[in-house]
C-alpha atoms as a PDB file:
ATOM      1  CA  MET A   1      37.476  -2.486 -20.496  1.00  0.00           C
ATOM      2  CA  ASP A   2      38.561  -4.022 -17.163  1.00  0.00           C
ATOM      3  CA  PRO A   3      37.779  -0.879 -15.110  1.00  0.00           C
ATOM      4  CA  ILE A   4      34.380  -0.717 -16.805  1.00  0.00           C
ATOM      5  CA  LEU A   5      33.667  -4.343 -15.965  1.00  0.00           C
ATOM      6  CA  ASP A   6      34.783  -3.788 -12.378  1.00  0.00           C
ATOM      7  CA  LYS A   7      32.405  -0.826 -12.033  1.00  0.00           C
ATOM      8  CA  LEU A   8      29.599  -2.798 -13.663  1.00  0.00           C
ATOM      9  CA  ALA A   9      30.114  -5.685 -11.230  1.00  0.00           C
ATOM     10  CA  ALA A  10      30.053  -3.244  -8.319  1.00  0.00           C
ATOM     11  CA  ALA A  11      26.833  -1.646  -9.621  1.00  0.00           C
ATOM     12  CA  LEU A  12      25.137  -5.032  -9.910  1.00  0.00           C
ATOM     13  CA  SER A  13      26.216  -6.209  -6.471  1.00  0.00           C
ATOM     14  CA  ASP A  14      25.253  -2.951  -4.734  1.00  0.00           C
ATOM     15  CA  SER A  15      21.891  -2.355  -6.430  1.00  0.00           C
ATOM     16  CA  GLU A  16      18.849  -2.713  -4.208  1.00  0.00           C
ATOM     17  CA  ASP A  17      16.316  -0.954  -6.402  1.00  0.00           C
ATOM     18  CA  LEU A  18      15.986   0.640  -9.839  1.00  0.00           C
ATOM     19  CA  GLU A  19      17.646   3.923  -8.943  1.00  0.00           C
ATOM     20  CA  SER A  20      20.671   2.315  -7.266  1.00  0.00           C
ATOM     21  CA  LEU A  21      21.258   0.293 -10.446  1.00  0.00           C
ATOM     22  CA  VAL A  22      20.523   2.952 -13.058  1.00  0.00           C
ATOM     23  CA  ARG A  23      22.677   5.771 -11.714  1.00  0.00           C
ATOM     24  CA  PRO A  24      25.960   3.797 -11.917  1.00  0.00           C
ATOM     25  CA  LEU A  25      24.948   2.513 -15.355  1.00  0.00           C
ATOM     26  CA  LEU A  26      24.401   6.063 -16.592  1.00  0.00           C
ATOM     27  CA  GLU A  27      27.837   6.992 -15.314  1.00  0.00           C
ATOM     28  CA  LEU A  28      29.381   3.996 -17.099  1.00  0.00           C
ATOM     29  CA  LEU A  29      27.481   4.805 -20.271  1.00  0.00           C
ATOM     30  CA  GLU A  30      28.816   8.341 -20.223  1.00  0.00           C
ATOM     31  CA  ALA A  31      32.386   7.080 -19.735  1.00  0.00           C
ATOM     32  CA  VAL A  32      32.116   4.556 -22.582  1.00  0.00           C
ATOM     33  CA  THR A  33      30.304   6.707 -25.147  1.00  0.00           C
ATOM     34  CA  GLY A  34      31.673  10.161 -24.378  1.00  0.00           C
ATOM     35  CA  LEU A  35      28.148  11.554 -24.680  1.00  0.00           C
ATOM     36  CA  GLU A  36      27.306  14.618 -22.611  1.00  0.00           C
ATOM     37  CA  SER A  37      24.007  13.347 -21.201  1.00  0.00           C
ATOM     38  CA  THR A  38      22.814   9.833 -20.418  1.00  0.00           C
ATOM     39  CA  TYR A  39      19.316   9.124 -19.185  1.00  0.00           C
ATOM     40  CA  LEU A  40      16.524   6.600 -18.629  1.00  0.00           C
ATOM     41  CA  THR A  41      12.991   7.397 -19.750  1.00  0.00           C
ATOM     42  CA  THR A  42       9.576   5.904 -19.253  1.00  0.00           C
ATOM     43  CA  ILE A  43       6.645   6.170 -21.636  1.00  0.00           C
ATOM     44  CA  ASP A  44       3.081   6.881 -20.563  1.00  0.00           C
ATOM     45  CA  PHE A  45       1.042   5.767 -23.549  1.00  0.00           C
ATOM     46  CA  GLU A  46      -2.265   6.855 -21.994  1.00  0.00           C
ATOM     47  CA  ARG A  47      -1.053  10.458 -21.719  1.00  0.00           C
ATOM     48  CA  ASN A  48       1.166  10.112 -24.809  1.00  0.00           C
ATOM     49  CA  VAL A  49       4.220  11.535 -23.035  1.00  0.00           C
ATOM     50  CA  GLN A  50       7.793  10.447 -22.435  1.00  0.00           C
ATOM     51  CA  ARG A  51       9.327  11.322 -19.084  1.00  0.00           C
ATOM     52  CA  ILE A  52      12.966  11.478 -17.992  1.00  0.00           C
ATOM     53  CA  VAL A  53      13.218   9.272 -14.882  1.00  0.00           C
ATOM     54  CA  TYR A  54      16.967   9.482 -14.143  1.00  0.00           C
ATOM     55  CA  SER A  55      19.637  11.473 -15.961  1.00  0.00           C
ATOM     56  CA  ARG A  56      23.344  12.261 -15.730  1.00  0.00           C
ATOM     57  CA  ASN A  57      24.504  15.631 -17.064  1.00  0.00           C
ATOM     58  CA  THR A  58      28.145  16.584 -16.580  1.00  0.00           C
ATOM     59  CA  GLN A  59      28.708  18.970 -19.482  1.00  0.00           C
ATOM     60  CA  ALA A  60      26.864  21.692 -21.376  1.00  0.00           C
ATOM     61  CA  LEU A  61      23.889  19.608 -22.565  1.00  0.00           C
ATOM     62  CA  ARG A  62      21.297  19.352 -19.806  1.00  0.00           C
ATOM     63  CA  ILE A  63      18.408  16.896 -19.951  1.00  0.00           C
ATOM     64  CA  PRO A  64      16.676  17.330 -16.595  1.00  0.00           C
ATOM     65  CA  GLU A  65      14.950  14.618 -14.596  1.00  0.00           C
ATOM     66  CA  GLY A  66      11.192  14.960 -14.612  1.00  0.00           C
ATOM     67  CA  LEU A  67      11.126  16.549 -18.082  1.00  0.00           C
ATOM     68  CA  GLU A  68       8.085  15.425 -20.075  1.00  0.00           C
ATOM     69  CA  VAL A  69       7.734  15.744 -23.840  1.00  0.00           C
ATOM     70  CA  PRO A  70       5.018  14.557 -26.252  1.00  0.00           C
ATOM     71  CA  TRP A  71       5.850  10.982 -27.238  1.00  0.00           C
ATOM     72  CA  ASP A  72       5.095  11.576 -30.924  1.00  0.00           C
ATOM     73  CA  ASP A  73       7.771  14.316 -31.077  1.00  0.00           C
ATOM     74  CA  THR A  74      10.535  12.319 -29.388  1.00  0.00           C
ATOM     75  CA  LEU A  75      13.711  11.066 -31.002  1.00  0.00           C
ATOM     76  CA  CYS A  76      13.039   7.700 -29.349  1.00  0.00           C
ATOM     77  CA  LYS A  77       9.812   7.174 -31.286  1.00  0.00           C
ATOM     78  CA  ARG A  78      11.470   8.238 -34.529  1.00  0.00           C
ATOM     79  CA  ALA A  79      14.321   5.826 -33.822  1.00  0.00           C
ATOM     80  CA  PHE A  80      11.827   2.991 -33.276  1.00  0.00           C
ATOM     81  CA  ASP A  81       9.763   3.807 -36.336  1.00  0.00           C
ATOM     82  CA  GLU A  82      12.777   4.163 -38.630  1.00  0.00           C
ATOM     83  CA  GLY A  83      15.065   1.540 -37.073  1.00  0.00           C
ATOM     84  CA  ARG A  84      17.793   4.124 -36.413  1.00  0.00           C
ATOM     85  CA  PRO A  85      18.933   3.853 -32.770  1.00  0.00           C
ATOM     86  CA  TYR A  86      22.077   5.904 -33.427  1.00  0.00           C
ATOM     87  CA  VAL A  87      22.271   9.228 -35.267  1.00  0.00           C
ATOM     88  CA  ASP A  88      25.134  11.759 -35.214  1.00  0.00           C
ATOM     89  CA  ASP A  89      23.328  14.391 -37.296  1.00  0.00           C
ATOM     90  CA  VAL A  90      19.986  14.882 -35.588  1.00  0.00           C
ATOM     91  CA  ALA A  91      19.303  18.235 -37.269  1.00  0.00           C
ATOM     92  CA  GLY A  92      19.845  16.657 -40.696  1.00  0.00           C
ATOM     93  CA  CYS A  93      17.731  13.543 -39.966  1.00  0.00           C
ATOM     94  CA  TRP A  94      15.008  14.905 -37.736  1.00  0.00           C
ATOM     95  CA  GLY A  95      15.126  18.647 -38.057  1.00  0.00           C
ATOM     96  CA  ASP A  96      11.391  18.960 -37.374  1.00  0.00           C
ATOM     97  CA  SER A  97      11.747  17.632 -33.806  1.00  0.00           C
ATOM     98  CA  ASP A  98      10.935  20.509 -31.459  1.00  0.00           C
ATOM     99  CA  ALA A  99      12.300  18.624 -28.425  1.00  0.00           C
ATOM    100  CA  ALA A 100      15.660  17.903 -30.072  1.00  0.00           C
ATOM    101  CA  ARG A 101      15.977  21.469 -31.325  1.00  0.00           C
ATOM    102  CA  ALA A 102      15.099  22.937 -27.920  1.00  0.00           C
ATOM    103  CA  LEU A 103      17.673  20.749 -26.155  1.00  0.00           C
ATOM    104  CA  GLY A 104      20.344  21.252 -28.838  1.00  0.00           C
ATOM    105  CA  ILE A 105      20.929  17.535 -29.519  1.00  0.00           C
ATOM    106  CA  THR A 106      23.331  16.587 -32.349  1.00  0.00           C
ATOM    107  CA  THR A 107      24.218  12.978 -31.472  1.00  0.00           C
ATOM    108  CA  TYR A 108      21.570  10.602 -30.209  1.00  0.00           C
ATOM    109  CA  LEU A 109      21.704   6.980 -29.067  1.00  0.00           C
ATOM    110  CA  SER A 110      18.907   4.849 -27.610  1.00  0.00           C
ATOM    111  CA  GLU A 111      17.880   1.315 -26.734  1.00  0.00           C
ATOM    112  CA  PRO A 112      14.350   0.226 -25.760  1.00  0.00           C
ATOM    113  CA  VAL A 113      13.789  -1.166 -22.276  1.00  0.00           C
ATOM    114  CA  ARG A 114      11.288  -4.012 -22.449  1.00  0.00           C
ATOM    115  CA  VAL A 115      10.146  -6.190 -19.570  1.00  0.00           C
ATOM    116  CA  ALA A 116       9.614  -9.948 -19.921  1.00  0.00           C
ATOM    117  CA  THR A 117       6.073  -9.597 -21.263  1.00  0.00           C
ATOM    118  CA  GLY A 118       7.369  -7.491 -24.141  1.00  0.00           C
ATOM    119  CA  GLU A 119       5.875  -4.344 -22.630  1.00  0.00           C
ATOM    120  CA  LEU A 120       7.840  -1.230 -23.566  1.00  0.00           C
ATOM    121  CA  TYR A 121       8.767   0.504 -20.314  1.00  0.00           C
ATOM    122  CA  GLY A 122      10.916   3.244 -21.839  1.00  0.00           C
ATOM    123  CA  THR A 123      14.357   3.867 -23.279  1.00  0.00           C
ATOM    124  CA  LEU A 124      17.979   4.051 -22.199  1.00  0.00           C
ATOM    125  CA  CYS A 125      19.534   6.969 -24.048  1.00  0.00           C
ATOM    126  CA  GLY A 126      22.609   9.085 -24.577  1.00  0.00           C
ATOM    127  CA  ALA A 127      22.813  12.478 -26.257  1.00  0.00           C
ATOM    128  CA  SER A 128      25.340  15.185 -27.025  1.00  0.00           C
ATOM    129  CA  ALA A 129      25.367  18.666 -28.509  1.00  0.00           C
ATOM    130  CA  MET A 130      28.520  17.640 -30.372  1.00  0.00           C
ATOM    131  CA  GLN A 131      29.016  15.011 -33.037  1.00  0.00           C
ATOM    132  CA  VAL A 132      30.199  11.828 -31.330  1.00  0.00           C
ATOM    133  CA  ARG A 133      31.085   8.522 -32.969  1.00  0.00           C
ATOM    134  CA  VAL A 134      29.606   5.472 -31.280  1.00  0.00           C
ATOM    135  CA  THR A 135      30.977   1.988 -32.052  1.00  0.00           C
ATOM    136  CA  ASP A 136      29.090  -1.268 -32.441  1.00  0.00           C
ATOM    137  CA  ASP A 137      30.714  -2.538 -29.235  1.00  0.00           C
ATOM    138  CA  THR A 138      29.295   0.436 -27.377  1.00  0.00           C
ATOM    139  CA  ARG A 139      25.842  -0.235 -28.787  1.00  0.00           C
ATOM    140  CA  ARG A 140      26.063  -3.839 -27.607  1.00  0.00           C
ATOM    141  CA  LEU A 141      26.995  -2.586 -24.147  1.00  0.00           C
ATOM    142  CA  LEU A 142      23.995  -0.256 -24.211  1.00  0.00           C
ATOM    143  CA  ARG A 143      21.792  -3.220 -25.106  1.00  0.00           C
ATOM    144  CA  MET A 144      23.162  -5.180 -22.157  1.00  0.00           C
ATOM    145  CA  PHE A 145      22.515  -2.234 -19.804  1.00  0.00           C
ATOM    146  CA  SER A 146      18.943  -2.072 -21.093  1.00  0.00           C
ATOM    147  CA  GLN A 147      18.428  -5.757 -20.334  1.00  0.00           C
ATOM    148  CA  LEU A 148      19.837  -5.335 -16.822  1.00  0.00           C
ATOM    149  CA  ILE A 149      17.416  -2.489 -16.175  1.00  0.00           C
ATOM    150  CA  ALA A 150      14.516  -4.578 -17.504  1.00  0.00           C
ATOM    151  CA  ARG A 151      15.397  -7.388 -15.097  1.00  0.00           C
ATOM    152  CA  GLN A 152      15.553  -4.946 -12.187  1.00  0.00           C
ATOM    153  CA  LEU A 153      12.126  -3.600 -13.160  1.00  0.00           C
ATOM    154  CA  GLU A 154      10.730  -7.135 -13.203  1.00  0.00           C
ATOM    155  CA  ARG A 155      12.309  -7.823  -9.808  1.00  0.00           C
ATOM    156  CA  ASP A 156      10.902  -4.594  -8.336  1.00  0.00           C
ATOM    157  CA  ARG A 157       7.438  -5.363  -9.688  1.00  0.00           C
ATOM    158  CA  LEU A 158       7.582  -8.892  -8.310  1.00  0.00           C
ATOM    159  CA  LEU A 159       8.635  -7.614  -4.879  1.00  0.00           C
ATOM    160  CA  ALA A 160       5.857  -4.991  -4.930  1.00  0.00           C
ATOM    161  CA  ARG A 161       3.313  -7.661  -5.842  1.00  0.00           C
ATOM    162  CA  LEU A 162       4.576  -9.989  -3.111  1.00  0.00           C
ATOM    163  CA  LYS A 163       4.407  -7.185  -0.535  1.00  0.00           C
ATOM    164  CA  GLU A 164       0.845  -6.362  -1.553  1.00  0.00           C
ATOM    165  CA  GLU A 165      -0.135 -10.037  -1.383  1.00  0.00           C
ATOM    166  CA  ASN A 166       1.456 -10.274   2.075  1.00  0.00           C
ATOM    167  CA  ARG A 167      -0.471  -7.189   3.187  1.00  0.00           C
ATOM    168  CA  GLU A 168      -3.659  -8.755   1.820  1.00  0.00           C
ATOM    169  CA  LEU A 169      -2.944 -12.016   3.623  1.00  0.00           C
ATOM    170  CA  SER A 170      -2.289 -10.094   6.839  1.00  0.00           C
ATOM    171  CA  ARG A 171      -5.573  -8.227   6.430  1.00  0.00           C
ATOM    172  CA  HIS A 172      -7.406 -11.521   5.952  1.00  0.00           C
ATOM    173  CA  ALA A 173      -5.607 -13.107   8.899  1.00  0.00           C
ATOM    174  CA  LEU A 174      -6.684 -10.239  11.167  1.00  0.00           C
ATOM    175  CA  SER A 175     -10.170  -9.622   9.718  1.00  0.00           C
ATOM    176  CA  ASP A 176     -13.408 -11.454  10.351  1.00  0.00           C
ATOM    177  CA  PRO A 177     -14.395 -12.978   6.981  1.00  0.00           C
ATOM    178  CA  LEU A 178     -18.105 -12.287   7.472  1.00  0.00           C
ATOM    179  CA  THR A 179     -18.223  -8.737   8.838  1.00  0.00           C
ATOM    180  CA  GLY A 180     -14.856  -7.399   7.681  1.00  0.00           C
ATOM    181  CA  ILE A 181     -14.034  -5.901  11.084  1.00  0.00           C
ATOM    182  CA  PRO A 182     -11.045  -7.125  13.183  1.00  0.00           C
ATOM    183  CA  ASN A 183     -11.306 -10.702  14.405  1.00  0.00           C
ATOM    184  CA  ARG A 184     -10.389 -12.305  17.742  1.00  0.00           C
ATOM    185  CA  ARG A 185      -6.731 -12.626  16.768  1.00  0.00           C
ATOM    186  CA  ALA A 186      -6.544  -8.918  15.959  1.00  0.00           C
ATOM    187  CA  LEU A 187      -8.365  -8.136  19.214  1.00  0.00           C
ATOM    188  CA  MET A 188      -5.817 -10.034  21.305  1.00  0.00           C
ATOM    189  CA  GLY A 189      -2.930  -8.164  19.694  1.00  0.00           C
ATOM    190  CA  GLU A 190      -4.596  -4.758  20.042  1.00  0.00           C
ATOM    191  CA  LEU A 191      -5.564  -5.370  23.668  1.00  0.00           C
ATOM    192  CA  ALA A 192      -2.018  -6.496  24.508  1.00  0.00           C
ATOM    193  CA  ARG A 193      -0.651  -3.273  22.995  1.00  0.00           C
ATOM    194  CA  ALA A 194      -3.254  -1.173  24.805  1.00  0.00           C
ATOM    195  CA  LEU A 195      -2.440  -2.779  28.152  1.00  0.00           C
ATOM    196  CA  ALA A 196       1.290  -2.341  27.657  1.00  0.00           C
ATOM    197  CA  ASN A 197       0.751   1.329  26.838  1.00  0.00           C
ATOM    198  CA  ALA A 198      -1.513   1.772  29.862  1.00  0.00           C
ATOM    199  CA  GLU A 199       1.140   0.218  32.088  1.00  0.00           C
ATOM    200  CA  ARG A 200       3.774   2.644  30.763  1.00  0.00           C
ATOM    201  CA  THR A 201       1.602   5.738  31.018  1.00  0.00           C
ATOM    202  CA  GLY A 202      -0.294   4.974  34.202  1.00  0.00           C
ATOM    203  CA  THR A 203      -3.655   4.984  32.399  1.00  0.00           C
ATOM    204  CA  ALA A 204      -6.350   2.331  31.988  1.00  0.00           C
ATOM    205  CA  VAL A 205      -8.372   0.614  29.261  1.00  0.00           C
ATOM    206  CA  HIS A 206     -12.111  -0.086  29.114  1.00  0.00           C
ATOM    207  CA  VAL A 207     -13.173  -3.445  27.666  1.00  0.00           C
ATOM    208  CA  ALA A 208     -16.833  -3.898  26.697  1.00  0.00           C
ATOM    209  CA  PHE A 209     -18.090  -7.413  25.976  1.00  0.00           C
ATOM    210  CA  VAL A 210     -21.241  -7.197  23.824  1.00  0.00           C
ATOM    211  CA  ASP A 211     -23.636 -10.113  23.318  1.00  0.00           C
ATOM    212  CA  LEU A 212     -26.536  -9.410  20.922  1.00  0.00           C
ATOM    213  CA  ASP A 213     -29.864 -10.446  22.412  1.00  0.00           C
ATOM    214  CA  GLY A 214     -32.324 -12.417  20.299  1.00  0.00           C
ATOM    215  CA  PHE A 215     -29.880 -13.488  17.594  1.00  0.00           C
ATOM    216  CA  LYS A 216     -31.020 -17.126  17.680  1.00  0.00           C
ATOM    217  CA  ALA A 217     -34.616 -16.018  17.175  1.00  0.00           C
ATOM    218  CA  ILE A 218     -33.577 -13.988  14.110  1.00  0.00           C
ATOM    219  CA  ASN A 219     -31.858 -17.049  12.633  1.00  0.00           C
ATOM    220  CA  ASP A 220     -34.848 -19.286  13.413  1.00  0.00           C
ATOM    221  CA  ARG A 221     -37.403 -16.873  11.989  1.00  0.00           C
ATOM    222  CA  HIS A 222     -35.623 -15.414   8.966  1.00  0.00           C
ATOM    223  CA  GLY A 223     -32.912 -17.953   8.157  1.00  0.00           C
ATOM    224  CA  HIS A 224     -29.141 -18.042   8.453  1.00  0.00           C
ATOM    225  CA  ASP A 225     -28.564 -15.759   5.461  1.00  0.00           C
ATOM    226  CA  ALA A 226     -30.607 -13.029   7.144  1.00  0.00           C
ATOM    227  CA  GLY A 227     -28.710 -13.760  10.366  1.00  0.00           C
ATOM    228  CA  ASP A 228     -25.401 -13.232   8.590  1.00  0.00           C
ATOM    229  CA  ARG A 229     -26.610  -9.962   7.081  1.00  0.00           C
ATOM    230  CA  PHE A 230     -27.818  -8.902  10.508  1.00  0.00           C
ATOM    231  CA  LEU A 231     -24.347  -9.515  11.987  1.00  0.00           C
ATOM    232  CA  ILE A 232     -22.732  -7.553   9.152  1.00  0.00           C
ATOM    233  CA  ALA A 233     -25.091  -4.625   9.758  1.00  0.00           C
ATOM    234  CA  MET A 234     -24.591  -4.733  13.521  1.00  0.00           C
ATOM    235  CA  ALA A 235     -20.804  -4.821  13.126  1.00  0.00           C
ATOM    236  CA  ARG A 236     -21.024  -1.710  10.976  1.00  0.00           C
ATOM    237  CA  ALA A 237     -23.363  -0.033  13.470  1.00  0.00           C
ATOM    238  CA  LEU A 238     -21.053  -0.811  16.391  1.00  0.00           C
ATOM    239  CA  ARG A 239     -18.026   0.468  14.490  1.00  0.00           C
ATOM    240  CA  ASP A 240     -19.855   3.685  13.601  1.00  0.00           C
ATOM    241  CA  GLY A 241     -21.299   4.121  17.085  1.00  0.00           C
ATOM    242  CA  VAL A 242     -18.122   4.065  19.161  1.00  0.00           C
ATOM    243  CA  ARG A 243     -15.863   6.967  20.048  1.00  0.00           C
ATOM    244  CA  GLU A 244     -13.018   7.955  17.787  1.00  0.00           C
ATOM    245  CA  GLY A 245     -10.034   5.838  18.770  1.00  0.00           C
ATOM    246  CA  ASP A 246     -12.108   2.930  20.117  1.00  0.00           C
ATOM    247  CA  PHE A 247     -11.463  -0.531  18.679  1.00  0.00           C
ATOM    248  CA  VAL A 248     -14.260  -2.922  17.663  1.00  0.00           C
ATOM    249  CA  ALA A 249     -13.766  -6.646  16.978  1.00  0.00           C
ATOM    250  CA  ARG A 250     -15.960  -9.673  16.458  1.00  0.00           C
ATOM    251  CA  TYR A 251     -15.168 -12.171  19.188  1.00  0.00           C
ATOM    252  CA  GLY A 252     -17.231 -14.963  17.680  1.00  0.00           C
ATOM    253  CA  GLY A 253     -20.864 -15.759  16.877  1.00  0.00           C
ATOM    254  CA  ASP A 254     -22.978 -12.793  17.984  1.00  0.00           C
ATOM    255  CA  GLU A 255     -20.356 -11.538  20.461  1.00  0.00           C
ATOM    256  CA  PHE A 256     -18.306  -8.386  19.933  1.00  0.00           C
ATOM    257  CA  VAL A 257     -15.666  -6.638  22.017  1.00  0.00           C
ATOM    258  CA  VAL A 258     -14.970  -2.906  22.156  1.00  0.00           C
ATOM    259  CA  LEU A 259     -11.779  -1.406  23.597  1.00  0.00           C
ATOM    260  CA  GLY A 260     -11.291   2.224  24.529  1.00  0.00           C
ATOM    261  CA  PRO A 261      -9.246   4.488  26.793  1.00  0.00           C
ATOM    262  CA  ALA A 262     -10.657   5.030  30.281  1.00  0.00           C
ATOM    263  CA  ALA A 263     -11.278   8.524  31.609  1.00  0.00           C
ATOM    264  CA  PRO A 264      -8.842   8.969  34.524  1.00  0.00           C
ATOM    265  CA  ASP A 265     -11.185  11.013  36.713  1.00  0.00           C
ATOM    266  CA  ALA A 266     -14.505   9.125  36.397  1.00  0.00           C
ATOM    267  CA  PRO A 267     -14.037   5.532  35.212  1.00  0.00           C
ATOM    268  CA  GLU A 268     -17.391   4.358  36.572  1.00  0.00           C
ATOM    269  CA  ALA A 269     -19.367   7.027  34.718  1.00  0.00           C
ATOM    270  CA  ASP A 270     -17.244   6.313  31.664  1.00  0.00           C
ATOM    271  CA  ARG A 271     -18.160   2.613  31.814  1.00  0.00           C
ATOM    272  CA  ALA A 272     -21.856   3.459  32.149  1.00  0.00           C
ATOM    273  CA  ALA A 273     -21.684   5.754  29.118  1.00  0.00           C
ATOM    274  CA  MET A 274     -19.912   3.074  27.104  1.00  0.00           C
ATOM    275  CA  ARG A 275     -22.508   0.484  28.087  1.00  0.00           C
ATOM    276  CA  LYS A 276     -25.337   2.833  27.141  1.00  0.00           C
ATOM    277  CA  ARG A 277     -23.759   3.524  23.712  1.00  0.00           C
ATOM    278  CA  MET A 278     -23.506  -0.180  22.915  1.00  0.00           C
ATOM    279  CA  GLN A 279     -27.068  -0.879  24.045  1.00  0.00           C
ATOM    280  CA  ARG A 280     -28.411   2.052  22.037  1.00  0.00           C
ATOM    281  CA  VAL A 281     -26.672   0.842  18.886  1.00  0.00           C
ATOM    282  CA  ALA A 282     -28.131  -2.655  19.308  1.00  0.00           C
ATOM    283  CA  THR A 283     -31.716  -1.504  19.967  1.00  0.00           C
ATOM    284  CA  GLY A 284     -34.390  -0.519  17.450  1.00  0.00           C
ATOM    285  CA  ARG A 285     -35.592  -1.501  14.000  1.00  0.00           C
ATOM    286  CA  LEU A 286     -32.950  -2.557  11.490  1.00  0.00           C
ATOM    287  CA  THR A 287     -33.886  -2.802   7.805  1.00  0.00           C
ATOM    288  CA  ILE A 288     -31.753  -5.174   5.745  1.00  0.00           C
ATOM    289  CA  ASP A 289     -32.620  -5.521   2.064  1.00  0.00           C
ATOM    290  CA  GLN A 290     -36.303  -4.676   2.742  1.00  0.00           C
ATOM    291  CA  LEU A 291     -36.365  -7.080   5.690  1.00  0.00           C
ATOM    292  CA  ALA A 292     -37.301  -5.305   8.939  1.00  0.00           C
ATOM    293  CA  ILE A 293     -35.741  -6.776  12.073  1.00  0.00           C
ATOM    294  CA  ASP A 294     -36.569  -5.528  15.545  1.00  0.00           C
ATOM    295  CA  CYS A 295     -33.337  -5.524  17.563  1.00  0.00           C
ATOM    296  CA  THR A 296     -34.017  -6.179  21.229  1.00  0.00           C
ATOM    297  CA  GLY A 297     -30.701  -4.812  22.447  1.00  0.00           C
ATOM    298  CA  ALA A 298     -27.572  -6.364  23.853  1.00  0.00           C
ATOM    299  CA  SER A 299     -26.139  -7.591  27.112  1.00  0.00           C
ATOM    300  CA  VAL A 300     -23.054  -5.473  27.715  1.00  0.00           C
ATOM    301  CA  GLY A 301     -20.405  -5.954  30.352  1.00  0.00           C
ATOM    302  CA  VAL A 302     -17.806  -3.226  30.742  1.00  0.00           C
ATOM    303  CA  VAL A 303     -14.687  -3.521  32.899  1.00  0.00           C
ATOM    304  CA  THR A 304     -11.592  -1.402  33.364  1.00  0.00           C
ATOM    305  CA  SER A 305      -8.030  -2.635  33.459  1.00  0.00           C
ATOM    306  CA  CYS A 306      -6.103  -2.121  36.654  1.00  0.00           C
ATOM    307  CA  ALA A 307      -2.442  -1.895  37.556  1.00  0.00           C
ATOM    308  CA  GLY A 308      -0.817  -5.295  37.423  1.00  0.00           C
ATOM    309  CA  GLU A 309      -3.634  -6.760  35.292  1.00  0.00           C
ATOM    310  CA  GLN A 310      -2.839 -10.442  34.703  1.00  0.00           C
ATOM    311  CA  GLY A 311      -2.782 -10.305  30.932  1.00  0.00           C
ATOM    312  CA  VAL A 312      -5.252 -10.122  28.076  1.00  0.00           C
ATOM    313  CA  GLU A 313      -7.109 -13.346  28.852  1.00  0.00           C
ATOM    314  CA  ALA A 314      -7.794 -12.326  32.456  1.00  0.00           C
ATOM    315  CA  LEU A 315      -9.207  -8.951  31.423  1.00  0.00           C
ATOM    316  CA  LEU A 316     -11.407 -10.511  28.745  1.00  0.00           C
ATOM    317  CA  ALA A 317     -12.636 -13.087  31.263  1.00  0.00           C
ATOM    318  CA  ARG A 318     -13.677 -10.266  33.617  1.00  0.00           C
ATOM    319  CA  ALA A 319     -15.510  -8.513  30.779  1.00  0.00           C
ATOM    320  CA  ASP A 320     -17.217 -11.778  29.789  1.00  0.00           C
ATOM    321  CA  ALA A 321     -18.333 -12.356  33.382  1.00  0.00           C
ATOM    322  CA  ALA A 322     -19.700  -8.796  33.542  1.00  0.00           C
ATOM    323  CA  MET A 323     -21.615  -9.429  30.323  1.00  0.00           C
ATOM    324  CA  TYR A 324     -23.206 -12.611  31.724  1.00  0.00           C
ATOM    325  CA  ALA A 325     -24.171 -10.747  34.878  1.00  0.00           C
ATOM    326  CA  ALA A 326     -25.834  -8.085  32.722  1.00  0.00           C
ATOM    327  CA  LYS A 327     -27.604 -10.796  30.679  1.00  0.00           C
ATOM    328  CA  LYS A 328     -28.938 -12.417  33.878  1.00  0.00           C
ATOM    329  CA  ALA A 329     -30.183  -9.062  35.131  1.00  0.00           C
ATOM    330  CA  ARG A 330     -31.960  -8.372  31.828  1.00  0.00           C
ATOM    331  CA  ARG A 331     -33.700 -11.753  31.982  1.00  0.00           C
ATOM    332  CA  ILE A 332     -34.906 -11.058  35.512  1.00  0.00           C
ATOM    333  CA  ARG A 333     -36.260  -7.691  34.406  1.00  0.00           C
END
């Protein structure tokens, strides 16, 4: 058994996921049992099918990966129901099994694979077209392999859950909790990437600083809940009103920032068009849950990055200054 134990130790130390563990185990199972085919299955109880996930076939009997058979007709279910995990006369015991007859199985061996919650994932099996004697020691080894696979499944599920939770945390860290669009932190990262790309490619970036006019009056007249819903609606309108590829973020309060690539041949006209788009989005009647709000527009300052721009903060400061100049001009008008 020493070579077997050595191979098992190697399989455990080298395994990084389910497949990298199962394939060596199937090879070991074949060597120990002498069975022609060894395989791992999973059971889909909603569809009532059993599927071969991984298999090893080195002789005449072929049980292909991806094969699906009705669960009720499988030898695995019969073995569970009757408490017979090992049979060396399948035709005599279960002659009515279409799957066994089609595959030509004479000897069958299986062990359930259950995760910690008791959930039945599938089975670890061996089969042969010939009659093969399987010892109790071999069955104990099969049981150990099944437990190792169950632990790997639990580990993989835990890692998948942790990755999803990390992705969710990242989304929250980079999203504004009220409007759901990118927040200031996400804006700073995106603008840094855009500037670095512009520096490499010899292009430029437009930055529009948008301040919604009349937001305080909306809060005072309709309440803070209506003000929040107004910001949510305006964030959605800004996101839907920009060009494809533009980036919209909430900077804070009723201030938003929009980034977009600058047209190389007419940056001034491009800035004017961007300003007009933002003002158009923020002007008109907005109905929120049967509440009609007249939007008086926005003060929009648009600037374009230049070669040697002194970082993200400097560009945002220029856009902010342009916005305040636009606000002053609107007040004068």
